[in-house]
Amino acid sequence: MAAHELFVTQGYDTTTVDQIAEAVDVSQRTFFRYFTNKEEVALFVQDMVEACFYEAVCTEPPGTPPLECLRRTLNDVWDEVGRAVEEIVPLDLHLKMCQVVETTPSLLAAHLRHSLLMEEKLVQEIARRTGVGAEVDPRPRVLVAAFSGVMRTAARQWGMREGTSLETAREVTRDYVAQLGPALTGDWGRERRP
């Protein structure tokens, strides 16, 4: 995606809609037929990734414990999501774009807003799957908040590394998610490194 190349090479804030439209040889009018603004273009792939994850959670077998459902879904969709990303942008460009999001305050704020909307959908799905009311039982919100926080932390860790590969991202994410249960219930008597 030409827009992501521009964001990575010259920065998000300095890239204009005119430059994006010129890079893909369309008019500004055509650009606005598909995207509301450059923020939407910048977050398109990450929003797609979150939507794929949510849809996969919805198809997990009933009765799967909630944390196991989230963990298993993450593992099950990782390769599929990687292929879906590569259909839109080269993977290395996507990983560099993750760094742009993490280091651009306005874009990070927008990403977090988008993520909060997706988290609410996950809360409702976990509540539905477990037969509890999300407005009266805090467990779906606590679980989704903890899981999402761990995912953001892992993404920040691998996203800020130079030369990160999809496999490195997967390993870091898997290690961080594996620590969710022990961090909440385990013995902190000795140091544990991922």
Protein backbone atom coordinates (compact mmCIF):
# COMPACT_ATOMS: atom_id res chain seq x y z
CA MET A 1 0.00 0.00 0.00
CA ALA A 2 1.55 3.24 -1.16
CA ALA A 3 0.17 5.21 1.77
CA HIS A 4 1.96 3.01 4.27
CA GLU A 5 5.23 3.42 2.37
CA LEU A 6 4.81 7.19 2.59
CA PHE A 7 3.97 7.04 6.30
CA VAL A 8 7.03 4.88 6.99
CA THR A 9 9.49 6.89 4.87
CA GLN A 10 8.40 10.47 5.59
CA GLY A 11 6.22 10.19 8.70
CA TYR A 12 2.50 10.11 9.24
CA ASP A 13 2.04 13.75 10.19
CA THR A 14 3.92 15.11 7.17
CA THR A 15 2.18 12.86 4.63
CA THR A 16 -0.81 14.49 2.94
CA VAL A 17 -3.88 13.04 1.30
CA ASP A 18 -2.72 14.67 -1.95
CA GLN A 19 0.58 12.76 -1.76
CA ILE A 20 -1.27 9.49 -1.13
CA ALA A 21 -3.66 10.09 -4.02
CA GLU A 22 -0.76 11.00 -6.31
CA ALA A 23 1.20 7.88 -5.29
CA VAL A 24 -1.68 5.62 -6.34
CA ASP A 25 -2.60 7.76 -9.33
CA VAL A 26 -6.13 8.67 -8.25
CA SER A 27 -7.85 11.98 -7.64
CA GLN A 28 -8.45 13.27 -4.16
CA ARG A 29 -12.15 12.79 -4.84
CA THR A 30 -11.58 9.10 -5.57
CA PHE A 31 -9.51 8.77 -2.40
CA PHE A 32 -12.40 10.11 -0.32
CA ARG A 33 -14.79 7.63 -1.93
CA TYR A 34 -12.88 4.83 -0.22
CA PHE A 35 -11.45 6.47 2.91
CA THR A 36 -12.68 9.20 5.22
CA ASN A 37 -9.18 10.47 5.98
CA LYS A 38 -5.54 9.39 6.11
CA GLU A 39 -6.01 8.01 9.64
CA GLU A 40 -8.41 5.41 8.23
CA VAL A 41 -5.80 4.43 5.63
CA ALA A 42 -3.07 4.19 8.27
CA LEU A 43 -5.14 1.96 10.56
CA PHE A 44 -6.89 -0.09 7.88
CA VAL A 45 -4.69 -3.19 8.22
CA GLN A 46 -4.64 -3.14 12.03
CA ASP A 47 -8.42 -2.76 12.11
CA MET A 48 -8.71 -5.71 9.72
CA VAL A 49 -6.47 -7.81 11.99
CA GLU A 50 -8.63 -7.03 15.03
CA ALA A 51 -11.81 -7.82 13.08
CA CYS A 52 -10.40 -11.20 11.97
CA PHE A 53 -9.55 -12.03 15.58
CA TYR A 54 -13.03 -11.06 16.78
CA GLU A 55 -14.74 -13.11 14.07
CA ALA A 56 -12.60 -16.13 14.97
CA VAL A 57 -13.47 -15.77 18.68
CA CYS A 58 -17.14 -15.89 17.68
CA THR A 59 -16.62 -19.25 15.97
CA GLU A 60 -14.80 -20.98 18.86
CA PRO A 61 -16.67 -24.02 20.21
CA PRO A 62 -19.18 -23.26 22.97
CA GLY A 63 -18.05 -24.14 26.46
CA THR A 64 -14.40 -23.21 25.90
CA PRO A 65 -13.18 -21.36 29.02
CA PRO A 66 -12.94 -17.63 28.17
CA LEU A 67 -9.16 -17.15 28.55
CA GLU A 68 -8.49 -20.40 26.68
CA CYS A 69 -10.85 -19.20 23.93
CA LEU A 70 -8.85 -15.99 23.49
CA ARG A 71 -5.48 -17.79 23.61
CA ARG A 72 -6.51 -20.53 21.22
CA THR A 73 -8.06 -18.07 18.80
CA LEU A 74 -4.86 -16.01 18.76
CA ASN A 75 -2.81 -19.10 17.98
CA ASP A 76 -5.29 -20.43 15.41
CA VAL A 77 -5.62 -17.22 13.40
CA TRP A 78 -2.00 -16.01 13.49
CA ASP A 79 -0.98 -17.52 10.14
CA GLU A 80 -4.30 -16.68 8.48
CA VAL A 81 -4.04 -13.07 9.60
CA GLY A 82 -0.43 -12.94 8.38
CA ARG A 83 -1.56 -14.08 4.93
CA ALA A 84 -4.44 -11.57 4.93
CA VAL A 85 -2.02 -8.76 5.80
CA GLU A 86 0.35 -9.83 3.01
CA GLU A 87 -2.51 -9.61 0.50
CA ILE A 88 -2.72 -5.90 1.31
CA VAL A 89 0.86 -4.88 2.16
CA PRO A 90 4.21 -6.65 2.41
CA LEU A 91 4.66 -7.99 5.93
CA ASP A 92 7.83 -6.02 6.62
CA LEU A 93 5.99 -2.82 5.66
CA HIS A 94 3.15 -3.71 8.02
CA LEU A 95 5.60 -4.29 10.87
CA LYS A 96 7.25 -0.93 10.15
CA MET A 97 3.80 0.67 10.08
CA CYS A 98 3.18 -0.76 13.55
CA GLN A 99 6.24 1.22 14.66
CA VAL A 100 4.82 4.36 13.06
CA VAL A 101 1.57 3.88 14.99
CA GLU A 102 3.46 3.37 18.26
CA THR A 103 5.59 6.50 17.78
CA THR A 104 2.97 8.92 16.41
CA PRO A 105 0.84 10.28 19.27
CA SER A 106 -2.20 11.19 17.15
CA LEU A 107 -2.17 7.85 15.37
CA LEU A 108 -1.64 5.90 18.59
CA ALA A 109 -4.60 7.70 20.15
CA ALA A 110 -6.76 6.85 17.13
CA HIS A 111 -5.61 3.22 17.24
CA LEU A 112 -6.48 3.00 20.94
CA ARG A 113 -9.97 4.43 20.22
CA HIS A 114 -10.50 1.79 17.54
CA SER A 115 -9.22 -0.92 19.87
CA LEU A 116 -11.58 0.12 22.65
CA LEU A 117 -14.54 -0.33 20.30
CA MET A 118 -13.32 -3.81 19.39
CA GLU A 119 -12.72 -4.63 23.06
CA GLU A 120 -16.35 -3.80 23.82
CA LYS A 121 -17.45 -6.22 21.11
CA LEU A 122 -15.21 -8.88 22.66
CA VAL A 123 -16.67 -8.18 26.11
CA GLN A 124 -20.17 -8.73 24.74
CA GLU A 125 -19.11 -11.94 22.96
CA ILE A 126 -17.41 -13.36 26.07
CA ALA A 127 -20.48 -12.47 28.13
CA ARG A 128 -22.74 -14.16 25.57
CA ARG A 129 -20.57 -17.28 25.44
CA THR A 130 -20.50 -17.62 29.23
CA GLY A 131 -24.14 -16.70 29.81
CA VAL A 132 -23.42 -13.71 32.04
CA GLY A 133 -24.51 -10.11 31.75
CA ALA A 134 -21.57 -7.83 30.98
CA GLU A 135 -23.33 -4.95 32.72
CA VAL A 136 -23.68 -6.82 36.02
CA ASP A 137 -20.77 -9.28 35.98
CA PRO A 138 -17.34 -7.61 35.69
CA ARG A 139 -15.44 -10.76 34.64
CA PRO A 140 -15.85 -10.36 30.85
CA ARG A 141 -14.56 -6.77 31.05
CA VAL A 142 -11.69 -7.68 33.36
CA LEU A 143 -10.63 -10.58 31.13
CA VAL A 144 -10.80 -8.57 27.91
CA ALA A 145 -9.02 -5.61 29.50
CA ALA A 146 -6.22 -7.84 30.79
CA PHE A 147 -5.89 -9.75 27.52
CA SER A 148 -5.95 -6.56 25.44
CA GLY A 149 -3.40 -4.92 27.70
CA VAL A 150 -1.08 -7.90 27.33
CA MET A 151 -1.55 -7.84 23.54
CA ARG A 152 -0.75 -4.10 23.40
CA THR A 153 2.32 -4.60 25.59
CA ALA A 154 3.58 -7.47 23.44
CA ALA A 155 2.95 -5.49 20.25
CA ARG A 156 4.85 -2.54 21.69
CA GLN A 157 7.76 -4.82 22.58
CA TRP A 158 8.12 -6.46 19.18
CA GLY A 159 6.96 -3.39 17.29
CA MET A 160 9.82 -1.27 18.55
CA ARG A 161 12.53 -3.79 17.67
CA GLU A 162 14.54 -3.34 14.51
CA GLY A 163 14.16 -6.08 11.94
CA THR A 164 11.20 -7.77 13.62
CA SER A 165 9.81 -10.74 11.73
CA LEU A 166 6.35 -12.24 11.93
CA GLU A 167 7.82 -15.21 13.78
CA THR A 168 9.52 -12.95 16.33
CA ALA A 169 6.25 -11.08 16.82
CA ARG A 170 4.45 -14.38 17.31
CA GLU A 171 7.00 -15.64 19.86
CA VAL A 172 6.94 -12.42 21.88
CA THR A 173 3.14 -12.33 21.81
CA ARG A 174 2.86 -16.00 22.79
CA ASP A 175 5.30 -15.48 25.69
CA TYR A 176 3.43 -12.44 26.99
CA VAL A 177 -0.01 -14.08 26.71
CA ALA A 178 1.35 -17.17 28.49
CA GLN A 179 2.24 -14.93 31.45
CA LEU A 180 -1.29 -13.57 31.84
CA GLY A 181 -2.53 -16.36 34.11
CA PRO A 182 0.64 -16.61 36.24
CA ALA A 183 0.82 -12.82 36.59
CA LEU A 184 -2.71 -12.73 37.98
CA THR A 185 -2.58 -15.82 40.19
CA GLY A 186 1.01 -17.02 40.43
CA ASP A 187 3.75 -16.82 42.96
CA TRP A 188 5.93 -13.76 42.42
CA GLY A 189 8.60 -15.03 44.80
CA ARG A 190 11.27 -15.24 42.12
CA GLU A 191 12.04 -13.40 38.91
CA ARG A 192 10.61 -14.83 35.66
CA ARG A 193 11.80 -13.66 32.25
CA PRO A 194 9.92 -14.37 29.00
